[in-house]
Amino acid sequence: MATSVLVINCGSSSIKYALVSERREDRIYGLAENLGAADARIKGITVGGEPLELSIPYADHAKALETLLARLANYKPQAIGHRVVHGGSLTKAELLTPEIVERIRAATPLAPLHNPAH
């Protein structure tokens, strides 16, 4: 795979993901859904358009992300982008540091269904 970036969007019970590269045919994307429930699963499309579906019963966000990263380990993304619903006073792209994580956590009352997943 050419230079690639993993993009993640955590919701209240899901994680959307895409691994994009300079070569369009290398695109991988999908969704971890129903997190916390018996029917939690990861589904998506892998390189070459092959479907992916993994059952991950009762997995939370951390377990789903761990499973997803293990599946993508061979692709070695050069960067990871992560969408945050509400960052409080954060208004532009930031390098994720412990201070930035704490500022996102402090903004949880502004997006109580989504920010805890971050």
Protein backbone atom coordinates (compact mmCIF):
# COMPACT_ATOMS: atom_id res chain seq x y z
CA MET A 1 0.00 0.00 0.00
CA ALA A 2 1.22 3.52 -0.82
CA THR A 3 1.38 6.32 1.76
CA SER A 4 -1.80 5.99 3.80
CA VAL A 5 -3.83 7.75 6.49
CA LEU A 6 -6.29 6.10 8.88
CA VAL A 7 -9.33 8.29 9.57
CA ILE A 8 -11.55 7.50 12.57
CA ASN A 9 -14.92 8.93 13.68
CA CYS A 10 -16.21 7.63 17.03
CA GLY A 11 -19.92 7.89 17.74
CA SER A 12 -21.89 6.97 20.84
CA SER A 13 -22.11 3.28 19.81
CA SER A 14 -20.01 3.09 16.66
CA ILE A 15 -16.66 3.77 15.03
CA LYS A 16 -16.48 4.70 11.37
CA TYR A 17 -13.10 4.17 9.76
CA ALA A 18 -11.31 4.57 6.46
CA LEU A 19 -7.74 3.83 5.44
CA VAL A 20 -7.06 5.99 2.42
CA SER A 21 -3.97 6.12 0.27
CA GLU A 22 -2.51 7.74 -2.79
CA ARG A 23 -3.78 4.77 -4.78
CA ARG A 24 -7.57 4.75 -4.78
CA GLU A 25 -7.78 0.98 -5.20
CA ASP A 26 -6.12 0.53 -1.78
CA ARG A 27 -9.03 2.12 0.11
CA ILE A 28 -10.34 0.24 3.15
CA TYR A 29 -13.43 1.45 5.01
CA GLY A 30 -16.20 0.37 7.30
CA LEU A 31 -17.98 0.60 10.59
CA ALA A 32 -17.84 -0.97 14.03
CA GLU A 33 -21.45 -0.84 15.16
CA ASN A 34 -23.76 -1.72 18.04
CA LEU A 35 -20.83 -1.40 20.46
CA GLY A 36 -21.68 -2.66 23.93
CA ALA A 37 -24.39 -4.98 22.59
CA ALA A 38 -24.51 -8.71 21.90
CA ASP A 39 -24.62 -8.07 18.15
CA ALA A 40 -21.60 -5.71 18.05
CA ARG A 41 -19.63 -6.19 14.85
CA ILE A 42 -17.14 -4.71 12.44
CA LYS A 43 -18.15 -4.64 8.81
CA GLY A 44 -16.58 -3.03 5.82
CA ILE A 45 -14.67 -3.36 2.59
CA THR A 46 -11.01 -4.41 2.41
CA VAL A 47 -8.38 -3.90 -0.29
CA GLY A 48 -9.69 -5.21 -3.60
CA GLY A 49 -13.31 -4.73 -2.57
CA GLU A 50 -13.52 -7.86 -0.42
CA PRO A 51 -16.22 -7.66 2.26
CA LEU A 52 -15.27 -7.88 5.94
CA GLU A 53 -17.57 -8.86 8.78
CA LEU A 54 -16.37 -9.71 12.29
CA SER A 55 -18.57 -10.45 15.27
CA ILE A 56 -17.28 -8.74 18.45
CA PRO A 57 -20.04 -9.41 21.02
CA TYR A 58 -20.31 -6.79 23.81
CA ALA A 59 -17.13 -5.03 22.64
CA ASP A 60 -16.75 -1.45 23.79
CA HIS A 61 -15.01 1.30 21.79
CA ALA A 62 -11.56 0.32 23.10
CA LYS A 63 -11.95 -3.37 22.18
CA ALA A 64 -13.41 -2.54 18.76
CA LEU A 65 -10.55 -0.15 18.01
CA GLU A 66 -8.00 -2.72 19.22
CA THR A 67 -9.54 -5.34 16.91
CA LEU A 68 -9.65 -2.91 14.01
CA LEU A 69 -6.03 -1.80 14.45
CA ALA A 70 -4.90 -5.43 14.57
CA ARG A 71 -6.67 -6.04 11.24
CA LEU A 72 -4.96 -2.98 9.72
CA ALA A 73 -1.48 -3.56 11.20
CA ASN A 74 0.05 -4.74 7.92
CA TYR A 75 -0.89 -1.48 6.19
CA LYS A 76 1.17 0.76 8.51
CA PRO A 77 -0.61 4.11 8.14
CA GLN A 78 1.71 7.10 8.26
CA ALA A 79 -0.85 9.19 10.16
CA ILE A 80 -4.15 8.87 11.99
CA GLY A 81 -6.88 11.49 11.85
CA HIS A 82 -9.63 11.51 14.46
CA ARG A 83 -12.84 13.53 14.34
CA VAL A 84 -14.04 14.95 17.64
CA VAL A 85 -17.66 16.10 17.99
CA HIS A 86 -16.89 18.94 20.40
CA GLY A 87 -13.45 20.09 21.50
CA GLY A 88 -14.57 23.09 23.53
CA SER A 89 -12.12 25.88 22.73
CA LEU A 90 -10.21 23.67 20.26
CA THR A 91 -11.13 24.93 16.80
CA LYS A 92 -8.44 23.53 14.48
CA ALA A 93 -6.49 20.34 13.89
CA GLU A 94 -4.25 19.50 16.85
CA LEU A 95 -1.52 16.98 17.54
CA LEU A 96 -2.97 14.63 20.15
CA THR A 97 -1.14 15.15 23.45
CA PRO A 98 -2.21 14.40 27.05
CA GLU A 99 -3.18 18.09 27.41
CA ILE A 100 -5.38 17.97 24.29
CA VAL A 101 -7.02 14.73 25.47
CA GLU A 102 -7.83 16.41 28.80
CA ARG A 103 -9.32 19.43 27.02
CA ILE A 104 -11.53 17.11 24.94
CA ARG A 105 -12.62 15.30 28.12
CA ALA A 106 -13.42 18.66 29.74
CA ALA A 107 -15.77 19.39 26.82
CA THR A 108 -17.81 16.21 27.44
CA PRO A 109 -20.81 18.15 28.84
CA LEU A 110 -21.09 19.82 25.42
CA ALA A 111 -21.38 16.43 23.63
CA PRO A 112 -22.24 13.84 26.31
CA LEU A 113 -23.23 11.08 23.87
CA HIS A 114 -20.10 11.31 21.71
CA ASN A 115 -17.12 12.74 23.58
CA PRO A 116 -16.78 9.88 26.10
CA ALA A 117 -15.86 7.59 23.18
CA HIS A 118 -12.83 9.77 22.44
